[in-house]
Amino acid sequence: MNALQYLTQVAINKETDQFVSVMLDAEGYRERRQETLKQLAERKAMQALKQNRQVKLEPMPSYERKVIHAALQPNRKVETDSAGKEPNRSVVIRPAE
């Protein structure tokens, strides 16, 4: 879906002077994915605290990394950063100092 979204955005923006952002969704996939990412963030934060070490998540697109960062922002016990280079950037969760 991400690839189709990207190709659609490229095709649209090739034909216009203004930048148009395109977001594709199928049967509420994006909302379900967001909830899954929030749950993943909480599980991995607990893992980082329990093991007292950083936990690195799998590489993901920037908007998914943003969901992870936002989900853990209120948690003062952990810190998050993005590491790596596109397209292999991932979120690192570690106990707060």
PDB file of N, CA and C in Angstrom:
ATOM      1  N   MET A   1       0.826  -1.178   0.000  1.00  0.00           N
ATOM      2  CA  MET A   1       0.000   0.000   0.000  1.00  0.00           C
ATOM      3  C   MET A   1       0.882   1.257   0.000  1.00  0.00           C
ATOM      4  N   ASN A   2       1.996   1.210   0.742  1.00  0.00           N
ATOM      5  CA  ASN A   2       2.888   2.369   0.782  1.00  0.00           C
ATOM      6  C   ASN A   2       3.482   2.664  -0.582  1.00  0.00           C
ATOM      7  N   ALA A   3       3.852   1.609  -1.300  1.00  0.00           N
ATOM      8  CA  ALA A   3       4.421   1.803  -2.640  1.00  0.00           C
ATOM      9  C   ALA A   3       3.388   2.386  -3.588  1.00  0.00           C
ATOM     10  N   LEU A   4       2.166   1.893  -3.524  1.00  0.00           N
ATOM     11  CA  LEU A   4       1.100   2.417  -4.372  1.00  0.00           C
ATOM     12  C   LEU A   4       0.805   3.871  -4.016  1.00  0.00           C
ATOM     13  N   GLN A   5       0.821   4.183  -2.743  1.00  0.00           N
ATOM     14  CA  GLN A   5       0.614   5.553  -2.290  1.00  0.00           C
ATOM     15  C   GLN A   5       1.702   6.465  -2.838  1.00  0.00           C
ATOM     16  N   TYR A   6       2.939   6.021  -2.754  1.00  0.00           N
ATOM     17  CA  TYR A   6       4.067   6.816  -3.248  1.00  0.00           C
ATOM     18  C   TYR A   6       3.948   7.052  -4.750  1.00  0.00           C
ATOM     19  N   LEU A   7       3.672   5.991  -5.507  1.00  0.00           N
ATOM     20  CA  LEU A   7       3.552   6.123  -6.958  1.00  0.00           C
ATOM     21  C   LEU A   7       2.400   7.055  -7.352  1.00  0.00           C
ATOM     22  N   THR A   8       1.306   6.967  -6.646  1.00  0.00           N
ATOM     23  CA  THR A   8       0.169   7.851  -6.899  1.00  0.00           C
ATOM     24  C   THR A   8       0.556   9.302  -6.635  1.00  0.00           C
ATOM     25  N   GLN A   9       1.242   9.537  -5.554  1.00  0.00           N
ATOM     26  CA  GLN A   9       1.669  10.894  -5.200  1.00  0.00           C
ATOM     27  C   GLN A   9       2.635  11.445  -6.245  1.00  0.00           C
ATOM     28  N   VAL A  10       3.574  10.632  -6.706  1.00  0.00           N
ATOM     29  CA  VAL A  10       4.518  11.063  -7.737  1.00  0.00           C
ATOM     30  C   VAL A  10       3.773  11.423  -9.023  1.00  0.00           C
ATOM     31  N   ALA A  11       2.832  10.581  -9.420  1.00  0.00           N
ATOM     32  CA  ALA A  11       2.083  10.827 -10.656  1.00  0.00           C
ATOM     33  C   ALA A  11       1.267  12.110 -10.563  1.00  0.00           C
ATOM     34  N   ILE A  12       0.619  12.338  -9.434  1.00  0.00           N
ATOM     35  CA  ILE A  12      -0.196  13.546  -9.258  1.00  0.00           C
ATOM     36  C   ILE A  12       0.692  14.785  -9.253  1.00  0.00           C
ATOM     37  N   ASN A  13       1.786  14.722  -8.515  1.00  0.00           N
ATOM     38  CA  ASN A  13       2.636  15.902  -8.388  1.00  0.00           C
ATOM     39  C   ASN A  13       3.416  16.209  -9.663  1.00  0.00           C
ATOM     40  N   LYS A  14       3.525  15.254 -10.536  1.00  0.00           N
ATOM     41  CA  LYS A  14       4.169  15.479 -11.831  1.00  0.00           C
ATOM     42  C   LYS A  14       3.312  16.386 -12.718  1.00  0.00           C
ATOM     43  N   GLU A  15       2.010  16.391 -12.455  1.00  0.00           N
ATOM     44  CA  GLU A  15       1.062  17.122 -13.287  1.00  0.00           C
ATOM     45  C   GLU A  15       0.602  18.449 -12.681  1.00  0.00           C
ATOM     46  N   THR A  16       1.134  18.832 -11.537  1.00  0.00           N
ATOM     47  CA  THR A  16       0.659  20.055 -10.870  1.00  0.00           C
ATOM     48  C   THR A  16       1.835  20.887 -10.367  1.00  0.00           C
ATOM     49  N   ASP A  17       1.587  22.175 -10.198  1.00  0.00           N
ATOM     50  CA  ASP A  17       2.606  23.076  -9.665  1.00  0.00           C
ATOM     51  C   ASP A  17       2.627  23.078  -8.140  1.00  0.00           C
ATOM     52  N   GLN A  18       1.552  22.613  -7.518  1.00  0.00           N
ATOM     53  CA  GLN A  18       1.466  22.563  -6.066  1.00  0.00           C
ATOM     54  C   GLN A  18       1.709  21.131  -5.598  1.00  0.00           C
ATOM     55  N   PHE A  19       2.358  20.992  -4.449  1.00  0.00           N
ATOM     56  CA  PHE A  19       2.606  19.668  -3.890  1.00  0.00           C
ATOM     57  C   PHE A  19       1.323  19.121  -3.283  1.00  0.00           C
ATOM     58  N   VAL A  20       0.968  17.918  -3.655  1.00  0.00           N
ATOM     59  CA  VAL A  20      -0.212  17.251  -3.128  1.00  0.00           C
ATOM     60  C   VAL A  20       0.243  16.008  -2.373  1.00  0.00           C
ATOM     61  N   SER A  21      -0.198  15.882  -1.133  1.00  0.00           N
ATOM     62  CA  SER A  21       0.107  14.708  -0.326  1.00  0.00           C
ATOM     63  C   SER A  21      -1.038  13.712  -0.471  1.00  0.00           C
ATOM     64  N   VAL A  22      -0.707  12.460  -0.701  1.00  0.00           N
ATOM     65  CA  VAL A  22      -1.712  11.420  -0.918  1.00  0.00           C
ATOM     66  C   VAL A  22      -1.616  10.394   0.206  1.00  0.00           C
ATOM     67  N   MET A  23      -2.763  10.022   0.762  1.00  0.00           N
ATOM     68  CA  MET A  23      -2.819   8.988   1.792  1.00  0.00           C
ATOM     69  C   MET A  23      -3.852   7.955   1.354  1.00  0.00           C
ATOM     70  N   LEU A  24      -3.381   6.746   1.083  1.00  0.00           N
ATOM     71  CA  LEU A  24      -4.276   5.668   0.698  1.00  0.00           C
ATOM     72  C   LEU A  24      -4.587   4.810   1.917  1.00  0.00           C
ATOM     73  N   ASP A  25      -5.800   4.291   1.957  1.00  0.00           N
ATOM     74  CA  ASP A  25      -6.214   3.415   3.040  1.00  0.00           C
ATOM     75  C   ASP A  25      -7.166   2.372   2.462  1.00  0.00           C
ATOM     76  N   ALA A  26      -7.150   1.208   3.035  1.00  0.00           N
ATOM     77  CA  ALA A  26      -8.055   0.142   2.607  1.00  0.00           C
ATOM     78  C   ALA A  26      -8.685  -0.493   3.832  1.00  0.00           C
ATOM     79  N   GLU A  27      -9.973  -0.348   3.952  1.00  0.00           N
ATOM     80  CA  GLU A  27     -10.758  -0.955   5.030  1.00  0.00           C
ATOM     81  C   GLU A  27     -10.209  -0.654   6.419  1.00  0.00           C
ATOM     82  N   GLY A  28      -9.770   0.581   6.640  1.00  0.00           N
ATOM     83  CA  GLY A  28      -9.309   0.998   7.961  1.00  0.00           C
ATOM     84  C   GLY A  28      -7.952   0.454   8.358  1.00  0.00           C
ATOM     85  N   TYR A  29      -7.157   0.036   7.375  1.00  0.00           N
ATOM     86  CA  TYR A  29      -5.836  -0.532   7.662  1.00  0.00           C
ATOM     87  C   TYR A  29      -4.972   0.431   8.451  1.00  0.00           C
ATOM     88  N   ARG A  30      -4.953   1.693   8.058  1.00  0.00           N
ATOM     89  CA  ARG A  30      -4.050   2.663   8.715  1.00  0.00           C
ATOM     90  C   ARG A  30      -4.378   2.809  10.203  1.00  0.00           C
ATOM     91  N   GLU A  31      -5.650   2.857  10.538  1.00  0.00           N
ATOM     92  CA  GLU A  31      -6.043   2.989  11.942  1.00  0.00           C
ATOM     93  C   GLU A  31      -5.666   1.731  12.731  1.00  0.00           C
ATOM     94  N   ARG A  32      -5.894   0.566  12.143  1.00  0.00           N
ATOM     95  CA  ARG A  32      -5.505  -0.684  12.809  1.00  0.00           C
ATOM     96  C   ARG A  32      -3.992  -0.749  12.987  1.00  0.00           C
ATOM     97  N   ARG A  33      -3.254  -0.311  11.981  1.00  0.00           N
ATOM     98  CA  ARG A  33      -1.785  -0.317  12.054  1.00  0.00           C
ATOM     99  C   ARG A  33      -1.308   0.624  13.159  1.00  0.00           C
ATOM    100  N   GLN A  34      -1.964   1.778  13.280  1.00  0.00           N
ATOM    101  CA  GLN A  34      -1.590   2.740  14.317  1.00  0.00           C
ATOM    102  C   GLN A  34      -1.784   2.126  15.705  1.00  0.00           C
ATOM    103  N   GLU A  35      -2.879   1.432  15.912  1.00  0.00           N
ATOM    104  CA  GLU A  35      -3.124   0.790  17.207  1.00  0.00           C
ATOM    105  C   GLU A  35      -2.092  -0.308  17.471  1.00  0.00           C
ATOM    106  N   THR A  36      -1.758  -1.069  16.447  1.00  0.00           N
ATOM    107  CA  THR A  36      -0.737  -2.107  16.576  1.00  0.00           C
ATOM    108  C   THR A  36       0.602  -1.496  16.960  1.00  0.00           C
ATOM    109  N   LEU A  37       0.957  -0.381  16.336  1.00  0.00           N
ATOM    110  CA  LEU A  37       2.227   0.285  16.644  1.00  0.00           C
ATOM    111  C   LEU A  37       2.255   0.816  18.073  1.00  0.00           C
ATOM    112  N   LYS A  38       1.142   1.349  18.537  1.00  0.00           N
ATOM    113  CA  LYS A  38       1.076   1.839  19.923  1.00  0.00           C
ATOM    114  C   LYS A  38       1.280   0.694  20.909  1.00  0.00           C
ATOM    115  N   GLN A  39       0.646  -0.445  20.632  1.00  0.00           N
ATOM    116  CA  GLN A  39       0.815  -1.609  21.500  1.00  0.00           C
ATOM    117  C   GLN A  39       2.256  -2.110  21.462  1.00  0.00           C
ATOM    118  N   LEU A  40       2.853  -2.130  20.285  1.00  0.00           N
ATOM    119  CA  LEU A  40       4.254  -2.521  20.138  1.00  0.00           C
ATOM    120  C   LEU A  40       5.151  -1.590  20.957  1.00  0.00           C
ATOM    121  N   ALA A  41       4.887  -0.294  20.876  1.00  0.00           N
ATOM    122  CA  ALA A  41       5.681   0.687  21.613  1.00  0.00           C
ATOM    123  C   ALA A  41       5.630   0.405  23.112  1.00  0.00           C
ATOM    124  N   GLU A  42       4.457   0.141  23.630  1.00  0.00           N
ATOM    125  CA  GLU A  42       4.317  -0.123  25.063  1.00  0.00           C
ATOM    126  C   GLU A  42       5.036  -1.412  25.468  1.00  0.00           C
ATOM    127  N   ARG A  43       4.895  -2.469  24.667  1.00  0.00           N
ATOM    128  CA  ARG A  43       5.569  -3.741  24.974  1.00  0.00           C
ATOM    129  C   ARG A  43       7.083  -3.576  24.959  1.00  0.00           C
ATOM    130  N   LYS A  44       7.590  -2.879  23.947  1.00  0.00           N
ATOM    131  CA  LYS A  44       9.042  -2.710  23.830  1.00  0.00           C
ATOM    132  C   LYS A  44       9.579  -1.768  24.906  1.00  0.00           C
ATOM    133  N   ALA A  45       8.788  -0.796  25.334  1.00  0.00           N
ATOM    134  CA  ALA A  45       9.207   0.084  26.429  1.00  0.00           C
ATOM    135  C   ALA A  45       9.338  -0.720  27.721  1.00  0.00           C
ATOM    136  N   MET A  46       8.361  -1.608  27.965  1.00  0.00           N
ATOM    137  CA  MET A  46       8.440  -2.460  29.162  1.00  0.00           C
ATOM    138  C   MET A  46       9.657  -3.378  29.084  1.00  0.00           C
ATOM    139  N   GLN A  47       9.951  -3.891  27.894  1.00  0.00           N
ATOM    140  CA  GLN A  47      11.120  -4.748  27.704  1.00  0.00           C
ATOM    141  C   GLN A  47      12.410  -3.975  27.989  1.00  0.00           C
ATOM    142  N   ALA A  48      12.507  -2.757  27.487  1.00  0.00           N
ATOM    143  CA  ALA A  48      13.697  -1.934  27.716  1.00  0.00           C
ATOM    144  C   ALA A  48      13.892  -1.661  29.199  1.00  0.00           C
ATOM    145  N   LEU A  49      12.797  -1.392  29.902  1.00  0.00           N
ATOM    146  CA  LEU A  49      12.890  -1.123  31.342  1.00  0.00           C
ATOM    147  C   LEU A  49      13.242  -2.390  32.119  1.00  0.00           C
ATOM    148  N   LYS A  50      12.608  -3.494  31.769  1.00  0.00           N
ATOM    149  CA  LYS A  50      12.851  -4.753  32.473  1.00  0.00           C
ATOM    150  C   LYS A  50      14.295  -5.214  32.299  1.00  0.00           C
ATOM    151  N   GLN A  51      14.826  -5.077  31.076  1.00  0.00           N
ATOM    152  CA  GLN A  51      16.192  -5.520  30.786  1.00  0.00           C
ATOM    153  C   GLN A  51      17.224  -4.426  31.038  1.00  0.00           C
ATOM    154  N   ASN A  52      16.748  -3.223  31.316  1.00  0.00           N
ATOM    155  CA  ASN A  52      17.599  -2.063  31.560  1.00  0.00           C
ATOM    156  C   ASN A  52      18.621  -1.851  30.429  1.00  0.00           C
ATOM    157  N   ARG A  53      18.133  -1.944  29.197  1.00  0.00           N
ATOM    158  CA  ARG A  53      18.976  -1.710  28.022  1.00  0.00           C
ATOM    159  C   ARG A  53      18.094  -1.237  26.871  1.00  0.00           C
ATOM    160  N   GLN A  54      18.737  -0.722  25.845  1.00  0.00           N
ATOM    161  CA  GLN A  54      17.977  -0.234  24.698  1.00  0.00           C
ATOM    162  C   GLN A  54      17.418  -1.383  23.876  1.00  0.00           C
ATOM    163  N   VAL A  55      16.273  -1.106  23.236  1.00  0.00           N
ATOM    164  CA  VAL A  55      15.618  -2.062  22.363  1.00  0.00           C
ATOM    165  C   VAL A  55      15.439  -1.373  21.015  1.00  0.00           C
ATOM    166  N   LYS A  56      15.894  -2.040  19.966  1.00  0.00           N
ATOM    167  CA  LYS A  56      15.784  -1.476  18.620  1.00  0.00           C
ATOM    168  C   LYS A  56      14.653  -2.175  17.874  1.00  0.00           C
ATOM    169  N   LEU A  57      13.736  -1.389  17.320  1.00  0.00           N
ATOM    170  CA  LEU A  57      12.624  -1.930  16.551  1.00  0.00           C
ATOM    171  C   LEU A  57      13.045  -2.153  15.104  1.00  0.00           C
ATOM    172  N   GLU A  58      12.230  -2.862  14.363  1.00  0.00           N
ATOM    173  CA  GLU A  58      12.512  -3.102  12.950  1.00  0.00           C
ATOM    174  C   GLU A  58      12.420  -1.787  12.181  1.00  0.00           C
ATOM    175  N   PRO A  59      13.117  -1.687  11.057  1.00  0.00           N
ATOM    176  CA  PRO A  59      13.007  -0.470  10.243  1.00  0.00           C
ATOM    177  C   PRO A  59      11.561  -0.229   9.820  1.00  0.00           C
ATOM    178  N   MET A  60      11.173   1.045   9.796  1.00  0.00           N
ATOM    179  CA  MET A  60       9.807   1.401   9.409  1.00  0.00           C
ATOM    180  C   MET A  60       9.789   2.793   8.806  1.00  0.00           C
ATOM    181  N   PRO A  61       8.733   3.107   8.052  1.00  0.00           N
ATOM    182  CA  PRO A  61       8.608   4.445   7.447  1.00  0.00           C
ATOM    183  C   PRO A  61       8.507   5.535   8.519  1.00  0.00           C
ATOM    184  N   SER A  62       8.798   6.755   8.122  1.00  0.00           N
ATOM    185  CA  SER A  62       8.828   7.862   9.079  1.00  0.00           C
ATOM    186  C   SER A  62       7.503   8.069   9.807  1.00  0.00           C
ATOM    187  N   TYR A  63       6.381   7.927   9.102  1.00  0.00           N
ATOM    188  CA  TYR A  63       5.099   8.164   9.782  1.00  0.00           C
ATOM    189  C   TYR A  63       4.822   7.080  10.824  1.00  0.00           C
ATOM    190  N   GLU A  64       5.335   5.871  10.631  1.00  0.00           N
ATOM    191  CA  GLU A  64       5.171   4.838  11.647  1.00  0.00           C
ATOM    192  C   GLU A  64       6.112   5.086  12.827  1.00  0.00           C
ATOM    193  N   ARG A  65       7.321   5.548  12.546  1.00  0.00           N
ATOM    194  CA  ARG A  65       8.238   5.906  13.643  1.00  0.00           C
ATOM    195  C   ARG A  65       7.635   7.023  14.481  1.00  0.00           C
ATOM    196  N   LYS A  66       6.979   7.956  13.818  1.00  0.00           N
ATOM    197  CA  LYS A  66       6.350   9.070  14.531  1.00  0.00           C
ATOM    198  C   LYS A  66       5.276   8.571  15.503  1.00  0.00           C
ATOM    199  N   VAL A  67       4.525   7.549  15.109  1.00  0.00           N
ATOM    200  CA  VAL A  67       3.506   6.971  15.989  1.00  0.00           C
ATOM    201  C   VAL A  67       4.168   6.394  17.239  1.00  0.00           C
ATOM    202  N   ILE A  68       5.287   5.695  17.063  1.00  0.00           N
ATOM    203  CA  ILE A  68       6.007   5.109  18.204  1.00  0.00           C
ATOM    204  C   ILE A  68       6.508   6.205  19.140  1.00  0.00           C
ATOM    205  N   HIS A  69       7.152   7.221  18.577  1.00  0.00           N
ATOM    206  CA  HIS A  69       7.660   8.330  19.400  1.00  0.00           C
ATOM    207  C   HIS A  69       6.523   9.002  20.168  1.00  0.00           C
ATOM    208  N   ALA A  70       5.428   9.279  19.482  1.00  0.00           N
ATOM    209  CA  ALA A  70       4.290   9.964  20.115  1.00  0.00           C
ATOM    210  C   ALA A  70       3.659   9.099  21.212  1.00  0.00           C
ATOM    211  N   ALA A  71       3.573   7.802  20.979  1.00  0.00           N
ATOM    212  CA  ALA A  71       2.963   6.907  21.967  1.00  0.00           C
ATOM    213  C   ALA A  71       3.776   6.865  23.261  1.00  0.00           C
ATOM    214  N   LEU A  72       5.087   6.980  23.145  1.00  0.00           N
ATOM    215  CA  LEU A  72       5.946   6.875  24.336  1.00  0.00           C
ATOM    216  C   LEU A  72       6.354   8.212  24.929  1.00  0.00           C
ATOM    217  N   GLN A  73       6.000   9.298  24.278  1.00  0.00           N
ATOM    218  CA  GLN A  73       6.385  10.617  24.781  1.00  0.00           C
ATOM    219  C   GLN A  73       5.907  10.875  26.214  1.00  0.00           C
ATOM    220  N   PRO A  74       4.688  10.504  26.585  1.00  0.00           N
ATOM    221  CA  PRO A  74       4.251  10.749  27.972  1.00  0.00           C
ATOM    222  C   PRO A  74       4.966   9.885  29.018  1.00  0.00           C
ATOM    223  N   ASN A  75       5.605   8.806  28.589  1.00  0.00           N
ATOM    224  CA  ASN A  75       6.287   7.893  29.504  1.00  0.00           C
ATOM    225  C   ASN A  75       7.666   8.453  29.852  1.00  0.00           C
ATOM    226  N   ARG A  76       7.805   8.990  31.052  1.00  0.00           N
ATOM    227  CA  ARG A  76       9.060   9.620  31.482  1.00  0.00           C
ATOM    228  C   ARG A  76      10.148   8.603  31.816  1.00  0.00           C
ATOM    229  N   LYS A  77       9.792   7.320  31.842  1.00  0.00           N
ATOM    230  CA  LYS A  77      10.767   6.299  32.189  1.00  0.00           C
ATOM    231  C   LYS A  77      11.600   5.849  30.992  1.00  0.00           C
ATOM    232  N   VAL A  78      11.154   6.193  29.771  1.00  0.00           N
ATOM    233  CA  VAL A  78      11.893   5.788  28.576  1.00  0.00           C
ATOM    234  C   VAL A  78      12.126   6.980  27.650  1.00  0.00           C
ATOM    235  N   GLU A  79      13.138   6.831  26.798  1.00  0.00           N
ATOM    236  CA  GLU A  79      13.443   7.822  25.763  1.00  0.00           C
ATOM    237  C   GLU A  79      13.457   7.096  24.429  1.00  0.00           C
ATOM    238  N   THR A  80      13.150   7.832  23.357  1.00  0.00           N
ATOM    239  CA  THR A  80      13.178   7.238  22.021  1.00  0.00           C
ATOM    240  C   THR A  80      14.001   8.100  21.082  1.00  0.00           C
ATOM    241  N   ASP A  81      14.631   7.446  20.130  1.00  0.00           N
ATOM    242  CA  ASP A  81      15.357   8.107  19.058  1.00  0.00           C
ATOM    243  C   ASP A  81      15.170   7.280  17.801  1.00  0.00           C
ATOM    244  N   SER A  82      15.409   7.899  16.656  1.00  0.00           N
ATOM    245  CA  SER A  82      15.475   7.159  15.403  1.00  0.00           C
ATOM    246  C   SER A  82      16.944   6.977  15.062  1.00  0.00           C
ATOM    247  N   ALA A  83      17.279   5.797  14.549  1.00  0.00           N
ATOM    248  CA  ALA A  83      18.664   5.486  14.205  1.00  0.00           C
ATOM    249  C   ALA A  83      18.723   4.853  12.822  1.00  0.00           C
ATOM    250  N   GLY A  84      19.854   5.034  12.151  1.00  0.00           N
ATOM    251  CA  GLY A  84      20.049   4.437  10.846  1.00  0.00           C
ATOM    252  C   GLY A  84      19.780   5.426   9.737  1.00  0.00           C
ATOM    253  N   LYS A  85      19.891   4.938   8.515  1.00  0.00           N
ATOM    254  CA  LYS A  85      19.655   5.760   7.330  1.00  0.00           C
ATOM    255  C   LYS A  85      18.484   5.192   6.550  1.00  0.00           C
ATOM    256  N   GLU A  86      17.728   6.076   5.922  1.00  0.00           N
ATOM    257  CA  GLU A  86      16.605   5.637   5.092  1.00  0.00           C
ATOM    258  C   GLU A  86      17.105   4.696   4.022  1.00  0.00           C
ATOM    259  N   PRO A  87      16.412   3.681   3.690  1.00  0.00           N
ATOM    260  CA  PRO A  87      15.082   3.295   4.167  1.00  0.00           C
ATOM    261  C   PRO A  87      15.127   2.370   5.380  1.00  0.00           C
ATOM    262  N   ASN A  88      16.253   2.301   6.040  1.00  0.00           N
ATOM    263  CA  ASN A  88      16.406   1.379   7.170  1.00  0.00           C
ATOM    264  C   ASN A  88      16.450   2.082   8.519  1.00  0.00           C
ATOM    265  N   ARG A  89      15.773   3.223   8.655  1.00  0.00           N
ATOM    266  CA  ARG A  89      15.717   3.900   9.950  1.00  0.00           C
ATOM    267  C   ARG A  89      14.749   3.161  10.862  1.00  0.00           C
ATOM    268  N   SER A  90      15.126   3.080  12.115  1.00  0.00           N
ATOM    269  CA  SER A  90      14.279   2.394  13.084  1.00  0.00           C
ATOM    270  C   SER A  90      14.273   3.174  14.390  1.00  0.00           C
ATOM    271  N   VAL A  91      13.334   2.840  15.238  1.00  0.00           N
ATOM    272  CA  VAL A  91      13.212   3.485  16.545  1.00  0.00           C
ATOM    273  C   VAL A  91      14.014   2.693  17.562  1.00  0.00           C
ATOM    274  N   VAL A  92      14.715   3.427  18.410  1.00  0.00           N
ATOM    275  CA  VAL A  92      15.442   2.832  19.544  1.00  0.00           C
ATOM    276  C   VAL A  92      14.779   3.347  20.804  1.00  0.00           C
ATOM    277  N   ILE A  93      14.398   2.417  21.682  1.00  0.00           N
ATOM    278  CA  ILE A  93      13.763   2.745  22.962  1.00  0.00           C
ATOM    279  C   ILE A  93      14.742   2.356  24.051  1.00  0.00           C
ATOM    280  N   ARG A  94      14.986   3.273  24.997  1.00  0.00           N
ATOM    281  CA  ARG A  94      15.917   2.973  26.082  1.00  0.00           C
ATOM    282  C   ARG A  94      15.414   3.592  27.381  1.00  0.00           C
ATOM    283  N   PRO A  95      15.868   3.041  28.503  1.00  0.00           N
ATOM    284  CA  PRO A  95      15.500   3.647  29.792  1.00  0.00           C
ATOM    285  C   PRO A  95      15.996   5.093  29.858  1.00  0.00           C
ATOM    286  N   ALA A  96      15.204   5.947  30.450  1.00  0.00           N
ATOM    287  CA  ALA A  96      15.599   7.361  30.596  1.00  0.00           C
ATOM    288  C   ALA A  96      16.764   7.469  31.555  1.00  0.00           C
ATOM    289  N   GLU A  97      17.591   8.470  31.303  1.00  0.00           N
ATOM    290  CA  GLU A  97      18.751   8.684  32.168  1.00  0.00           C
ATOM    291  C   GLU A  97      18.407   9.587  33.313  1.00  0.00           C
TER     292      GLU A  97
END
